[in-house]
Amino acid sequence: MSPVLSLLDRVRANEKQKLDELCPWLSTHLHQPIGWSVLVQRSHMSNEELHLLFMSHHNMSPMQWIRVQRENLLNAAYAQPFVHLDARSQHG
């Protein structure tokens, strides 16, 4: 393996590790406001680095990724059955 390819593999592995740490944290904080300052602080990367990292691994910006995750969370919540409390108390 060439030294250049090895370096590229290490850079990609490092990027993946950063995303593997950031994305689960983001997923557990989707109910909170998440702006660029939070992303920069949490990831220890610049706006540009974050943008390039998300584009290269998710084909979308960090803010688009957050919006998609929030939409998925809402869709999952709406898919759950709803029991009206008044109806439940009349049957018990």
PDB file of N, CA and C in Angstrom:
ATOM      1  N   MET A   1       0.854  -1.174   0.000  1.00  0.00           N
ATOM      2  CA  MET A   1       0.000   0.000   0.000  1.00  0.00           C
ATOM      3  C   MET A   1       0.897   1.234   0.000  1.00  0.00           C
ATOM      4  N   SER A   2       0.541   2.200  -0.820  1.00  0.00           N
ATOM      5  CA  SER A   2       1.363   3.409  -0.903  1.00  0.00           C
ATOM      6  C   SER A   2       1.144   4.281   0.320  1.00  0.00           C
ATOM      7  N   PRO A   3       2.162   5.060   0.707  1.00  0.00           N
ATOM      8  CA  PRO A   3       2.024   5.951   1.866  1.00  0.00           C
ATOM      9  C   PRO A   3       0.898   6.964   1.697  1.00  0.00           C
ATOM     10  N   VAL A   4       0.666   7.425   0.460  1.00  0.00           N
ATOM     11  CA  VAL A   4      -0.393   8.400   0.211  1.00  0.00           C
ATOM     12  C   VAL A   4      -1.758   7.764   0.453  1.00  0.00           C
ATOM     13  N   LEU A   5      -1.947   6.560  -0.048  1.00  0.00           N
ATOM     14  CA  LEU A   5      -3.219   5.863   0.141  1.00  0.00           C
ATOM     15  C   LEU A   5      -3.439   5.559   1.618  1.00  0.00           C
ATOM     16  N   SER A   6      -2.385   5.167   2.290  1.00  0.00           N
ATOM     17  CA  SER A   6      -2.493   4.889   3.716  1.00  0.00           C
ATOM     18  C   SER A   6      -2.907   6.143   4.487  1.00  0.00           C
ATOM     19  N   LEU A   7      -2.348   7.277   4.139  1.00  0.00           N
ATOM     20  CA  LEU A   7      -2.709   8.543   4.774  1.00  0.00           C
ATOM     21  C   LEU A   7      -4.167   8.886   4.482  1.00  0.00           C
ATOM     22  N   LEU A   8      -4.583   8.688   3.247  1.00  0.00           N
ATOM     23  CA  LEU A   8      -5.976   8.943   2.872  1.00  0.00           C
ATOM     24  C   LEU A   8      -6.923   8.037   3.656  1.00  0.00           C
ATOM     25  N   ASP A   9      -6.567   6.774   3.818  1.00  0.00           N
ATOM     26  CA  ASP A   9      -7.388   5.848   4.600  1.00  0.00           C
ATOM     27  C   ASP A   9      -7.489   6.296   6.057  1.00  0.00           C
ATOM     28  N   ARG A  10      -6.379   6.782   6.612  1.00  0.00           N
ATOM     29  CA  ARG A  10      -6.399   7.256   7.991  1.00  0.00           C
ATOM     30  C   ARG A  10      -7.260   8.500   8.145  1.00  0.00           C
ATOM     31  N   VAL A  11      -7.208   9.401   7.157  1.00  0.00           N
ATOM     32  CA  VAL A  11      -8.036  10.611   7.185  1.00  0.00           C
ATOM     33  C   VAL A  11      -9.510  10.224   7.125  1.00  0.00           C
ATOM     34  N   ARG A  12      -9.860   9.316   6.248  1.00  0.00           N
ATOM     35  CA  ARG A  12     -11.256   8.869   6.132  1.00  0.00           C
ATOM     36  C   ARG A  12     -11.723   8.181   7.410  1.00  0.00           C
ATOM     37  N   ALA A  13     -10.867   7.377   8.003  1.00  0.00           N
ATOM     38  CA  ALA A  13     -11.230   6.698   9.255  1.00  0.00           C
ATOM     39  C   ALA A  13     -11.433   7.717  10.369  1.00  0.00           C
ATOM     40  N   ASN A  14     -10.593   8.742  10.404  1.00  0.00           N
ATOM     41  CA  ASN A  14     -10.728   9.802  11.399  1.00  0.00           C
ATOM     42  C   ASN A  14     -12.031  10.571  11.190  1.00  0.00           C
ATOM     43  N   GLU A  15     -12.363  10.870   9.943  1.00  0.00           N
ATOM     44  CA  GLU A  15     -13.626  11.555   9.634  1.00  0.00           C
ATOM     45  C   GLU A  15     -14.805  10.704  10.077  1.00  0.00           C
ATOM     46  N   LYS A  16     -14.764   9.407   9.762  1.00  0.00           N
ATOM     47  CA  LYS A  16     -15.855   8.516  10.143  1.00  0.00           C
ATOM     48  C   LYS A  16     -15.989   8.457  11.657  1.00  0.00           C
ATOM     49  N   GLN A  17     -14.881   8.432  12.366  1.00  0.00           N
ATOM     50  CA  GLN A  17     -14.925   8.399  13.825  1.00  0.00           C
ATOM     51  C   GLN A  17     -15.584   9.669  14.368  1.00  0.00           C
ATOM     52  N   LYS A  18     -15.251  10.813  13.776  1.00  0.00           N
ATOM     53  CA  LYS A  18     -15.866  12.065  14.217  1.00  0.00           C
ATOM     54  C   LYS A  18     -17.373  12.035  14.016  1.00  0.00           C
ATOM     55  N   LEU A  19     -17.812  11.529  12.862  1.00  0.00           N
ATOM     56  CA  LEU A  19     -19.251  11.419  12.608  1.00  0.00           C
ATOM     57  C   LEU A  19     -19.897  10.391  13.529  1.00  0.00           C
ATOM     58  N   ASP A  20     -19.187   9.288  13.788  1.00  0.00           N
ATOM     59  CA  ASP A  20     -19.726   8.257  14.676  1.00  0.00           C
ATOM     60  C   ASP A  20     -19.899   8.766  16.095  1.00  0.00           C
ATOM     61  N   GLU A  21     -19.171   9.798  16.463  1.00  0.00           N
ATOM     62  CA  GLU A  21     -19.318  10.420  17.775  1.00  0.00           C
ATOM     63  C   GLU A  21     -20.378  11.533  17.747  1.00  0.00           C
ATOM     64  N   LEU A  22     -20.395  12.310  16.683  1.00  0.00           N
ATOM     65  CA  LEU A  22     -21.292  13.461  16.607  1.00  0.00           C
ATOM     66  C   LEU A  22     -22.742  13.079  16.311  1.00  0.00           C
ATOM     67  N   CYS A  23     -22.965  12.207  15.347  1.00  0.00           N
ATOM     68  CA  CYS A  23     -24.333  11.903  14.917  1.00  0.00           C
ATOM     69  C   CYS A  23     -25.188  11.284  16.021  1.00  0.00           C
ATOM     70  N   PRO A  24     -24.691  10.332  16.808  1.00  0.00           N
ATOM     71  CA  PRO A  24     -25.523   9.829  17.913  1.00  0.00           C
ATOM     72  C   PRO A  24     -25.847  10.914  18.941  1.00  0.00           C
ATOM     73  N   TRP A  25     -24.890  11.789  19.209  1.00  0.00           N
ATOM     74  CA  TRP A  25     -25.166  12.892  20.135  1.00  0.00           C
ATOM     75  C   TRP A  25     -26.265  13.783  19.567  1.00  0.00           C
ATOM     76  N   LEU A  26     -26.157  14.098  18.273  1.00  0.00           N
ATOM     77  CA  LEU A  26     -27.187  14.919  17.632  1.00  0.00           C
ATOM     78  C   LEU A  26     -28.552  14.230  17.721  1.00  0.00           C
ATOM     79  N   SER A  27     -28.574  12.937  17.477  1.00  0.00           N
ATOM     80  CA  SER A  27     -29.839  12.189  17.498  1.00  0.00           C
ATOM     81  C   SER A  27     -30.524  12.249  18.848  1.00  0.00           C
ATOM     82  N   THR A  28     -29.748  12.298  19.921  1.00  0.00           N
ATOM     83  CA  THR A  28     -30.356  12.353  21.252  1.00  0.00           C
ATOM     84  C   THR A  28     -30.696  13.780  21.674  1.00  0.00           C
ATOM     85  N   HIS A  29     -30.316  14.764  20.872  1.00  0.00           N
ATOM     86  CA  HIS A  29     -30.598  16.161  21.200  1.00  0.00           C
ATOM     87  C   HIS A  29     -31.436  16.857  20.126  1.00  0.00           C
ATOM     88  N   LEU A  30     -32.134  16.085  19.300  1.00  0.00           N
ATOM     89  CA  LEU A  30     -32.936  16.662  18.227  1.00  0.00           C
ATOM     90  C   LEU A  30     -34.064  17.538  18.747  1.00  0.00           C
ATOM     91  N   HIS A  31     -34.506  17.319  19.966  1.00  0.00           N
ATOM     92  CA  HIS A  31     -35.594  18.109  20.550  1.00  0.00           C
ATOM     93  C   HIS A  31     -35.110  19.486  21.009  1.00  0.00           C
ATOM     94  N   GLN A  32     -33.815  19.720  20.947  1.00  0.00           N
ATOM     95  CA  GLN A  32     -33.244  21.004  21.352  1.00  0.00           C
ATOM     96  C   GLN A  32     -32.812  21.793  20.116  1.00  0.00           C
ATOM     97  N   PRO A  33     -32.726  23.121  20.251  1.00  0.00           N
ATOM     98  CA  PRO A  33     -32.185  23.905  19.142  1.00  0.00           C
ATOM     99  C   PRO A  33     -30.721  23.529  18.902  1.00  0.00           C
ATOM    100  N   ILE A  34     -30.370  23.275  17.657  1.00  0.00           N
ATOM    101  CA  ILE A  34     -28.994  22.943  17.304  1.00  0.00           C
ATOM    102  C   ILE A  34     -28.584  23.857  16.155  1.00  0.00           C
ATOM    103  N   GLY A  35     -27.695  24.767  16.442  1.00  0.00           N
ATOM    104  CA  GLY A  35     -27.188  25.680  15.427  1.00  0.00           C
ATOM    105  C   GLY A  35     -25.730  25.399  15.121  1.00  0.00           C
ATOM    106  N   TRP A  36     -25.176  26.216  14.250  1.00  0.00           N
ATOM    107  CA  TRP A  36     -23.783  26.034  13.855  1.00  0.00           C
ATOM    108  C   TRP A  36     -22.840  26.140  15.046  1.00  0.00           C
ATOM    109  N   SER A  37     -23.125  27.034  15.973  1.00  0.00           N
ATOM    110  CA  SER A  37     -22.217  27.196  17.114  1.00  0.00           C
ATOM    111  C   SER A  37     -22.168  25.917  17.949  1.00  0.00           C
ATOM    112  N   VAL A  38     -23.316  25.259  18.121  1.00  0.00           N
ATOM    113  CA  VAL A  38     -23.354  23.995  18.857  1.00  0.00           C
ATOM    114  C   VAL A  38     -22.572  22.925  18.099  1.00  0.00           C
ATOM    115  N   LEU A  39     -22.774  22.866  16.793  1.00  0.00           N
ATOM    116  CA  LEU A  39     -22.071  21.871  15.976  1.00  0.00           C
ATOM    117  C   LEU A  39     -20.556  22.072  16.026  1.00  0.00           C
ATOM    118  N   VAL A  40     -20.137  23.311  15.894  1.00  0.00           N
ATOM    119  CA  VAL A  40     -18.697  23.618  15.915  1.00  0.00           C
ATOM    120  C   VAL A  40     -18.109  23.271  17.276  1.00  0.00           C
ATOM    121  N   GLN A  41     -18.802  23.660  18.331  1.00  0.00           N
ATOM    122  CA  GLN A  41     -18.309  23.391  19.683  1.00  0.00           C
ATOM    123  C   GLN A  41     -18.253  21.886  19.949  1.00  0.00           C
ATOM    124  N   ARG A  42     -19.289  21.174  19.587  1.00  0.00           N
ATOM    125  CA  ARG A  42     -19.372  19.736  19.870  1.00  0.00           C
ATOM    126  C   ARG A  42     -18.374  18.930  19.036  1.00  0.00           C
ATOM    127  N   SER A  43     -18.156  19.327  17.792  1.00  0.00           N
ATOM    128  CA  SER A  43     -17.313  18.548  16.879  1.00  0.00           C
ATOM    129  C   SER A  43     -15.848  18.975  16.883  1.00  0.00           C
ATOM    130  N   HIS A  44     -15.583  20.171  17.383  1.00  0.00           N
ATOM    131  CA  HIS A  44     -14.224  20.733  17.343  1.00  0.00           C
ATOM    132  C   HIS A  44     -13.742  20.906  15.903  1.00  0.00           C
ATOM    133  N   MET A  45     -14.682  21.227  15.016  1.00  0.00           N
ATOM    134  CA  MET A  45     -14.356  21.488  13.609  1.00  0.00           C
ATOM    135  C   MET A  45     -14.966  22.823  13.213  1.00  0.00           C
ATOM    136  N   SER A  46     -14.488  23.373  12.131  1.00  0.00           N
ATOM    137  CA  SER A  46     -15.049  24.621  11.616  1.00  0.00           C
ATOM    138  C   SER A  46     -16.333  24.320  10.841  1.00  0.00           C
ATOM    139  N   ASN A  47     -17.077  25.385  10.526  1.00  0.00           N
ATOM    140  CA  ASN A  47     -18.288  25.231   9.696  1.00  0.00           C
ATOM    141  C   ASN A  47     -17.961  24.526   8.392  1.00  0.00           C
ATOM    142  N   GLU A  48     -16.860  24.963   7.772  1.00  0.00           N
ATOM    143  CA  GLU A  48     -16.474  24.414   6.467  1.00  0.00           C
ATOM    144  C   GLU A  48     -16.118  22.931   6.579  1.00  0.00           C
ATOM    145  N   GLU A  49     -15.366  22.568   7.622  1.00  0.00           N
ATOM    146  CA  GLU A  49     -15.002  21.163   7.812  1.00  0.00           C
ATOM    147  C   GLU A  49     -16.245  20.300   8.029  1.00  0.00           C
ATOM    148  N   LEU A  50     -17.145  20.783   8.860  1.00  0.00           N
ATOM    149  CA  LEU A  50     -18.388  20.048   9.118  1.00  0.00           C
ATOM    150  C   LEU A  50     -19.203  19.866   7.854  1.00  0.00           C
ATOM    151  N   HIS A  51     -19.330  20.946   7.099  1.00  0.00           N
ATOM    152  CA  HIS A  51     -20.102  20.886   5.865  1.00  0.00           C
ATOM    153  C   HIS A  51     -19.497  19.854   4.907  1.00  0.00           C
ATOM    154  N   LEU A  52     -18.193  19.914   4.704  1.00  0.00           N
ATOM    155  CA  LEU A  52     -17.535  18.971   3.796  1.00  0.00           C
ATOM    156  C   LEU A  52     -17.651  17.535   4.300  1.00  0.00           C
ATOM    157  N   LEU A  53     -17.526  17.346   5.596  1.00  0.00           N
ATOM    158  CA  LEU A  53     -17.616  16.007   6.175  1.00  0.00           C
ATOM    159  C   LEU A  53     -19.003  15.408   5.962  1.00  0.00           C
ATOM    160  N   PHE A  54     -20.042  16.185   6.250  1.00  0.00           N
ATOM    161  CA  PHE A  54     -21.406  15.683   6.053  1.00  0.00           C
ATOM    162  C   PHE A  54     -21.705  15.465   4.579  1.00  0.00           C
ATOM    163  N   MET A  55     -21.233  16.369   3.739  1.00  0.00           N
ATOM    164  CA  MET A  55     -21.470  16.196   2.302  1.00  0.00           C
ATOM    165  C   MET A  55     -20.794  14.933   1.790  1.00  0.00           C
ATOM    166  N   SER A  56     -19.586  14.651   2.266  1.00  0.00           N
ATOM    167  CA  SER A  56     -18.863  13.489   1.757  1.00  0.00           C
ATOM    168  C   SER A  56     -19.407  12.170   2.304  1.00  0.00           C
ATOM    169  N   HIS A  57     -20.004  12.189   3.497  1.00  0.00           N
ATOM    170  CA  HIS A  57     -20.490  10.946   4.094  1.00  0.00           C
ATOM    171  C   HIS A  57     -22.008  10.777   4.038  1.00  0.00           C
ATOM    172  N   HIS A  58     -22.760  11.876   3.974  1.00  0.00           N
ATOM    173  CA  HIS A  58     -24.232  11.788   3.983  1.00  0.00           C
ATOM    174  C   HIS A  58     -24.883  12.455   2.775  1.00  0.00           C
ATOM    175  N   ASN A  59     -24.096  13.073   1.925  1.00  0.00           N
ATOM    176  CA  ASN A  59     -24.603  13.774   0.740  1.00  0.00           C
ATOM    177  C   ASN A  59     -25.590  14.878   1.095  1.00  0.00           C
ATOM    178  N   MET A  60     -25.396  15.487   2.263  1.00  0.00           N
ATOM    179  CA  MET A  60     -26.210  16.632   2.668  1.00  0.00           C
ATOM    180  C   MET A  60     -25.451  17.416   3.725  1.00  0.00           C
ATOM    181  N   SER A  61     -25.874  18.652   3.921  1.00  0.00           N
ATOM    182  CA  SER A  61     -25.239  19.489   4.933  1.00  0.00           C
ATOM    183  C   SER A  61     -25.636  19.011   6.331  1.00  0.00           C
ATOM    184  N   PRO A  62     -24.922  19.439   7.360  1.00  0.00           N
ATOM    185  CA  PRO A  62     -25.316  19.057   8.718  1.00  0.00           C
ATOM    186  C   PRO A  62     -26.737  19.493   9.066  1.00  0.00           C
ATOM    187  N   MET A  63     -27.120  20.700   8.656  1.00  0.00           N
ATOM    188  CA  MET A  63     -28.466  21.189   8.967  1.00  0.00           C
ATOM    189  C   MET A  63     -29.528  20.394   8.216  1.00  0.00           C
ATOM    190  N   GLN A  64     -29.238  19.983   6.995  1.00  0.00           N
ATOM    191  CA  GLN A  64     -30.177  19.129   6.261  1.00  0.00           C
ATOM    192  C   GLN A  64     -30.301  17.775   6.966  1.00  0.00           C
ATOM    193  N   TRP A  65     -29.179  17.233   7.415  1.00  0.00           N
ATOM    194  CA  TRP A  65     -29.181  15.944   8.117  1.00  0.00           C
ATOM    195  C   TRP A  65     -30.029  16.036   9.379  1.00  0.00           C
ATOM    196  N   ILE A  66     -29.860  17.110  10.140  1.00  0.00           N
ATOM    197  CA  ILE A  66     -30.640  17.319  11.363  1.00  0.00           C
ATOM    198  C   ILE A  66     -32.123  17.414  11.029  1.00  0.00           C
ATOM    199  N   ARG A  67     -32.466  18.160   9.987  1.00  0.00           N
ATOM    200  CA  ARG A  67     -33.873  18.299   9.593  1.00  0.00           C
ATOM    201  C   ARG A  67     -34.463  16.944   9.190  1.00  0.00           C
ATOM    202  N   VAL A  68     -33.725  16.152   8.438  1.00  0.00           N
ATOM    203  CA  VAL A  68     -34.203  14.829   8.023  1.00  0.00           C
ATOM    204  C   VAL A  68     -34.407  13.933   9.244  1.00  0.00           C
ATOM    205  N   GLN A  69     -33.480  13.978  10.186  1.00  0.00           N
ATOM    206  CA  GLN A  69     -33.610  13.162  11.399  1.00  0.00           C
ATOM    207  C   GLN A  69     -34.838  13.584  12.206  1.00  0.00           C
ATOM    208  N   ARG A  70     -35.072  14.879  12.291  1.00  0.00           N
ATOM    209  CA  ARG A  70     -36.256  15.374  13.015  1.00  0.00           C
ATOM    210  C   ARG A  70     -37.539  14.948  12.314  1.00  0.00           C
ATOM    211  N   GLU A  71     -37.550  15.012  10.990  1.00  0.00           N
ATOM    212  CA  GLU A  71     -38.722  14.572  10.230  1.00  0.00           C
ATOM    213  C   GLU A  71     -38.970  13.075  10.437  1.00  0.00           C
ATOM    214  N   ASN A  72     -37.900  12.283  10.447  1.00  0.00           N
ATOM    215  CA  ASN A  72     -38.042  10.844  10.688  1.00  0.00           C
ATOM    216  C   ASN A  72     -38.597  10.576  12.075  1.00  0.00           C
ATOM    217  N   LEU A  73     -38.143  11.345  13.050  1.00  0.00           N
ATOM    218  CA  LEU A  73     -38.628  11.203  14.421  1.00  0.00           C
ATOM    219  C   LEU A  73     -40.116  11.546  14.510  1.00  0.00           C
ATOM    220  N   LEU A  74     -40.514  12.627  13.857  1.00  0.00           N
ATOM    221  CA  LEU A  74     -41.930  13.009  13.841  1.00  0.00           C
ATOM    222  C   LEU A  74     -42.781  11.968  13.130  1.00  0.00           C
ATOM    223  N   ASN A  75     -42.300  11.480  12.004  1.00  0.00           N
ATOM    224  CA  ASN A  75     -43.057  10.460  11.266  1.00  0.00           C
ATOM    225  C   ASN A  75     -43.232   9.202  12.102  1.00  0.00           C
ATOM    226  N   ALA A  76     -42.205   8.819  12.839  1.00  0.00           N
ATOM    227  CA  ALA A  76     -42.302   7.646  13.707  1.00  0.00           C
ATOM    228  C   ALA A  76     -43.310   7.892  14.833  1.00  0.00           C
ATOM    229  N   ALA A  77     -43.315   9.106  15.368  1.00  0.00           N
ATOM    230  CA  ALA A  77     -44.263   9.434  16.440  1.00  0.00           C
ATOM    231  C   ALA A  77     -45.698   9.418  15.923  1.00  0.00           C
ATOM    232  N   TYR A  78     -45.917   9.947  14.715  1.00  0.00           N
ATOM    233  CA  TYR A  78     -47.268   9.960  14.146  1.00  0.00           C
ATOM    234  C   TYR A  78     -47.742   8.568  13.758  1.00  0.00           C
ATOM    235  N   ALA A  79     -46.821   7.666  13.534  1.00  0.00           N
ATOM    236  CA  ALA A  79     -47.195   6.300  13.166  1.00  0.00           C
ATOM    237  C   ALA A  79     -47.665   5.494  14.370  1.00  0.00           C
ATOM    238  N   GLN A  80     -47.403   5.977  15.576  1.00  0.00           N
ATOM    239  CA  GLN A  80     -47.828   5.288  16.796  1.00  0.00           C
ATOM    240  C   GLN A  80     -49.333   5.456  16.981  1.00  0.00           C
ATOM    241  N   PRO A  81     -50.001   4.425  17.478  1.00  0.00           N
ATOM    242  CA  PRO A  81     -51.447   4.548  17.722  1.00  0.00           C
ATOM    243  C   PRO A  81     -51.726   5.594  18.795  1.00  0.00           C
ATOM    244  N   PHE A  82     -52.838   6.270  18.628  1.00  0.00           N
ATOM    245  CA  PHE A  82     -53.236   7.320  19.565  1.00  0.00           C
ATOM    246  C   PHE A  82     -54.469   6.852  20.326  1.00  0.00           C
ATOM    247  N   VAL A  83     -54.416   6.934  21.627  1.00  0.00           N
ATOM    248  CA  VAL A  83     -55.564   6.573  22.462  1.00  0.00           C
ATOM    249  C   VAL A  83     -56.048   7.841  23.137  1.00  0.00           C
ATOM    250  N   HIS A  84     -57.288   8.183  22.882  1.00  0.00           N
ATOM    251  CA  HIS A  84     -57.869   9.372  23.514  1.00  0.00           C
ATOM    252  C   HIS A  84     -58.167   9.045  24.967  1.00  0.00           C
ATOM    253  N   LEU A  85     -57.735   9.882  25.884  1.00  0.00           N
ATOM    254  CA  LEU A  85     -57.891   9.605  27.312  1.00  0.00           C
ATOM    255  C   LEU A  85     -59.346   9.484  27.736  1.00  0.00           C
ATOM    256  N   ASP A  86     -60.239  10.280  27.155  1.00  0.00           N
ATOM    257  CA  ASP A  86     -61.659  10.192  27.524  1.00  0.00           C
ATOM    258  C   ASP A  86     -62.231   8.841  27.127  1.00  0.00           C
ATOM    259  N   ALA A  87     -61.885   8.344  25.960  1.00  0.00           N
ATOM    260  CA  ALA A  87     -62.386   7.056  25.496  1.00  0.00           C
ATOM    261  C   ALA A  87     -61.851   5.928  26.366  1.00  0.00           C
ATOM    262  N   ARG A  88     -60.617   6.046  26.792  1.00  0.00           N
ATOM    263  CA  ARG A  88     -60.005   5.015  27.606  1.00  0.00           C
ATOM    264  C   ARG A  88     -60.671   4.952  28.994  1.00  0.00           C
ATOM    265  N   SER A  89     -60.999   6.072  29.581  1.00  0.00           N
ATOM    266  CA  SER A  89     -61.596   6.081  30.910  1.00  0.00           C
ATOM    267  C   SER A  89     -63.041   5.552  30.884  1.00  0.00           C
ATOM    268  N   GLN A  90     -63.721   5.622  29.747  1.00  0.00           N
ATOM    269  CA  GLN A  90     -65.104   5.147  29.665  1.00  0.00           C
ATOM    270  C   GLN A  90     -65.159   3.620  29.562  1.00  0.00           C
ATOM    271  N   HIS A  91     -64.056   2.994  29.157  1.00  0.00           N
ATOM    272  CA  HIS A  91     -64.048   1.543  28.960  1.00  0.00           C
ATOM    273  C   HIS A  91     -63.411   0.801  30.123  1.00  0.00           C
ATOM    274  N   GLY A  92     -63.022   1.466  31.165  1.00  0.00           N
ATOM    275  CA  GLY A  92     -62.278   0.768  32.187  1.00  0.00           C
ATOM    276  C   GLY A  92     -62.941   0.761  33.473  1.00  0.00           C
TER     277      GLY A  92
END
